[in-house]
Protein backbone atom coordinates (compact mmCIF):
# COMPACT_ATOMS: atom_id res chain seq x y z
CA UNK A 1 11.13 20.46 3.98
CA UNK A 2 10.97 21.43 7.69
CA UNK A 3 7.41 21.56 9.10
CA UNK A 4 7.82 25.27 9.84
CA UNK A 5 8.16 25.95 6.08
CA UNK A 6 5.14 23.92 4.99
CA UNK A 7 2.25 25.63 3.27
CA UNK A 8 -0.45 26.17 5.96
CA UNK A 9 -2.87 23.82 4.20
CA UNK A 10 -0.22 21.10 3.97
CA UNK A 11 0.56 21.63 7.65
CA UNK A 12 -3.15 21.36 8.41
CA UNK A 13 -3.37 18.13 6.44
CA UNK A 14 -0.40 16.76 8.40
CA UNK A 15 -2.02 17.67 11.71
CA UNK A 16 -5.39 16.25 10.70
CA UNK A 17 -3.65 13.13 9.44
CA UNK A 18 -2.04 12.74 12.83
CA UNK A 19 -5.40 13.18 14.57
CA UNK A 20 -6.98 10.69 12.18
CA UNK A 21 -4.18 8.22 12.85
CA UNK A 22 -4.98 8.43 16.56
CA UNK A 23 -8.67 7.79 15.86
CA UNK A 24 -7.87 4.92 13.50
CA UNK A 25 -5.58 3.33 16.10
CA UNK A 26 -8.37 3.49 18.67
CA UNK A 27 -10.70 1.64 16.27
CA UNK A 28 -8.11 -0.77 14.90
CA UNK A 29 -8.24 -3.10 17.88
CA UNK A 30 -11.59 -4.38 16.65
CA UNK A 31 -11.31 -4.20 12.86
CA UNK A 32 -7.68 -5.11 12.11
CA UNK A 33 -7.16 -1.87 10.20
CA UNK A 34 -3.43 -1.59 10.94
CA UNK A 35 -2.71 -4.94 9.28
CA UNK A 36 -4.27 -3.90 5.97
CA UNK A 37 -2.78 -1.62 3.29
CA UNK A 38 -4.20 1.92 3.69
CA UNK A 39 -6.20 1.79 0.47
CA UNK A 40 -8.09 -1.33 1.60
CA UNK A 41 -8.70 -0.32 5.21
CA UNK A 42 -12.37 0.12 6.13
CA UNK A 43 -11.47 3.49 7.68
CA UNK A 44 -9.31 4.82 4.81
CA UNK A 45 -11.90 7.49 4.00
CA UNK A 46 -11.95 8.64 7.62
CA UNK A 47 -8.97 10.90 7.05
CA UNK A 48 -10.59 12.57 4.05
CA UNK A 49 -13.87 12.97 5.94
CA UNK A 50 -12.13 14.57 8.92
CA UNK A 51 -10.32 17.03 6.66
CA UNK A 52 -13.60 17.88 4.89
CA UNK A 53 -15.38 18.28 8.25
CA UNK A 54 -12.65 20.61 9.49
CA UNK A 55 -12.46 22.73 6.35
CA UNK A 56 -16.21 23.01 5.69
CA UNK A 57 -17.61 23.03 9.26
CA UNK A 58 -20.05 25.80 10.10
CA UNK A 59 -18.31 26.50 13.41
CA UNK A 60 -14.93 28.17 13.47
CA UNK A 61 -12.34 25.47 14.12
CA UNK A 62 -8.82 26.06 15.37
CA UNK A 63 -5.92 23.68 15.81
CA UNK A 64 -3.25 25.53 17.77
CA UNK A 65 0.06 24.80 19.42
CA UNK A 66 -0.10 24.39 23.18
CA UNK A 67 0.67 28.03 24.01
CA UNK A 68 -1.86 29.30 21.44
CA UNK A 69 0.66 31.28 19.37
CA UNK A 70 0.26 29.37 16.08
CA UNK A 71 -3.17 28.65 14.65
CA UNK A 72 -4.60 26.66 11.77
CA UNK A 73 -8.18 27.67 11.04
CA UNK A 74 -11.05 26.69 8.78
CA UNK A 75 -13.07 28.74 6.30
CA UNK A 76 -15.93 29.49 8.75
CA UNK A 77 -13.89 32.40 10.11
CA UNK A 78 -14.69 34.34 6.94
CA UNK A 79 -18.35 34.32 7.99
CA UNK A 80 -17.65 34.83 11.70
CA UNK A 81 -15.02 37.62 11.60
CA UNK A 82 -14.97 38.65 7.93
CA UNK A 83 -11.36 37.43 7.76
CA UNK A 84 -9.78 34.55 5.88
CA UNK A 85 -8.64 31.44 7.73
CA UNK A 86 -5.04 32.43 6.98
CA UNK A 87 -5.55 35.95 8.39
CA UNK A 88 -7.16 34.65 11.59
CA UNK A 89 -4.38 32.06 11.83
CA UNK A 90 -1.72 34.75 11.61
CA UNK A 91 -3.39 37.21 13.97
CA UNK A 92 -4.74 34.66 16.49
CA UNK A 93 -5.10 36.19 19.94
CA UNK A 94 -4.08 39.55 18.48
CA UNK A 95 -7.79 39.87 17.61
CA UNK A 96 -8.86 39.30 21.22
CA UNK A 97 -10.47 42.23 23.03
CA UNK A 98 -7.91 43.64 25.52
CA UNK A 99 -10.40 43.34 28.40
CA UNK A 100 -10.72 39.57 27.73
CA UNK A 101 -7.00 38.78 27.73
CA UNK A 102 -6.81 37.85 31.42
CA UNK A 103 -9.77 35.45 31.18
CA UNK A 104 -8.34 33.80 28.06
CA UNK A 105 -4.95 33.43 29.75
CA UNK A 106 -6.71 31.68 32.64
CA UNK A 107 -8.50 29.37 30.18
CA UNK A 108 -5.15 28.42 28.61
CA UNK A 109 -3.73 27.80 32.07
CA UNK A 110 -6.67 25.50 32.87
CA UNK A 111 -6.05 23.60 29.62
CA UNK A 112 -2.41 23.18 30.63
CA UNK A 113 -3.60 21.56 33.85
CA UNK A 114 -5.67 19.03 31.91
CA UNK A 115 -9.10 20.60 32.24
CA UNK A 116 -11.58 21.12 29.40
CA UNK A 117 -12.66 24.67 28.62
CA UNK A 118 -16.33 24.72 27.65
CA UNK A 119 -18.54 27.72 26.87
CA UNK A 120 -15.75 30.25 27.37
CA UNK A 121 -17.00 33.60 26.05
CA UNK A 122 -14.82 36.44 24.81
CA UNK A 123 -14.76 39.08 22.07
CA UNK A 124 -12.75 39.10 18.85
CA UNK A 125 -12.42 41.96 16.38
CA UNK A 126 -14.34 41.63 13.13
CA UNK A 127 -12.72 43.00 10.00
CA UNK A 128 -15.36 45.79 10.00
CA UNK A 129 -14.03 46.94 13.42
CA UNK A 130 -16.91 45.64 15.53
CA UNK A 131 -16.41 43.20 18.40
CA UNK A 132 -18.01 39.79 17.98
CA UNK A 133 -18.81 37.79 21.11
CA UNK A 134 -17.61 34.20 20.65
CA UNK A 135 -18.29 31.02 22.59
CA UNK A 136 -15.29 28.65 22.73
CA UNK A 137 -15.01 24.96 23.57
CA UNK A 138 -11.37 23.90 23.78
CA UNK A 139 -9.64 20.63 24.59
CA UNK A 140 -5.99 19.75 24.77
CA UNK A 141 -4.69 16.74 22.85
CA UNK A 142 -1.00 16.25 23.56
CA UNK A 143 0.79 19.36 22.32
CA UNK A 144 -2.27 20.64 20.45
CA UNK A 145 -5.28 22.73 21.40
CA UNK A 146 -8.47 21.87 19.49
CA UNK A 147 -11.20 24.50 19.54
CA UNK A 148 -14.70 24.90 18.20
CA UNK A 149 -15.94 28.48 18.15
CA UNK A 150 -19.26 30.08 17.34
CA UNK A 151 -20.80 33.50 17.81
CA UNK A 152 -23.05 33.79 20.84
CA UNK A 153 -26.74 34.36 20.30
CA UNK A 154 -26.21 38.03 21.21
CA UNK A 155 -23.79 38.50 18.29
CA UNK A 156 -25.57 39.38 15.05
CA UNK A 157 -24.77 36.80 12.38
CA UNK A 158 -26.55 36.72 9.05
CA UNK A 159 -28.14 33.32 8.39
CA UNK A 160 -26.40 31.32 5.68
CA UNK A 161 -27.79 28.00 4.62
CA UNK A 162 -25.94 25.79 2.19
CA UNK A 163 -27.00 22.36 1.05
CA UNK A 164 -24.53 19.97 -0.55
CA UNK A 165 -25.90 17.06 -2.50
C-alpha cells in the first residue's frame, strides 16, 4: 500500500520507527545493537517507548512534512484546542490566526535554512472559537519538522493531572 494511503496511525508508527532507527543507529556503535536480532537488542523497547511518549505526551507534538502541509499529531491537542489529533492534523495551519501567518512563514523559512525555532508564539483557533496562544519549539530532521507545542502561561488551560502506575 502506498504511504499516502496508510491509516494516519500506521503512518505515524512508520515515521516514529524511522526516528527510532536513527536513534538506535547512533547508540549502536557502542552496544552492537545492529548485529543482534531486533527482539534481543537492548534497545528494542526504545521504539515502543518513543511511540508511547509521542502519543501520551502532555505537550502537543507534531511531525510534519518539510513545508508544513501534512501533520501527524498526538492526543494532547484535544486538551489544547478541543480538537482530535486527526482534526488538527487535517487542518494544520488552517487553524493559525491570520495575523500570525507572516511570522509562521518566516519561522518555516528559518527552519529551511537549518536554524532551530524556539519559543515561537502564535495563536490557533480552539474548537470553541477562542484563540489560544501557543509556544512552539520546532526542529528540522531531514524532510521532517518535529514540533513541541504548549499553551503560553497567558492562555487559560484547565489543570489535568493523570498518574499512570
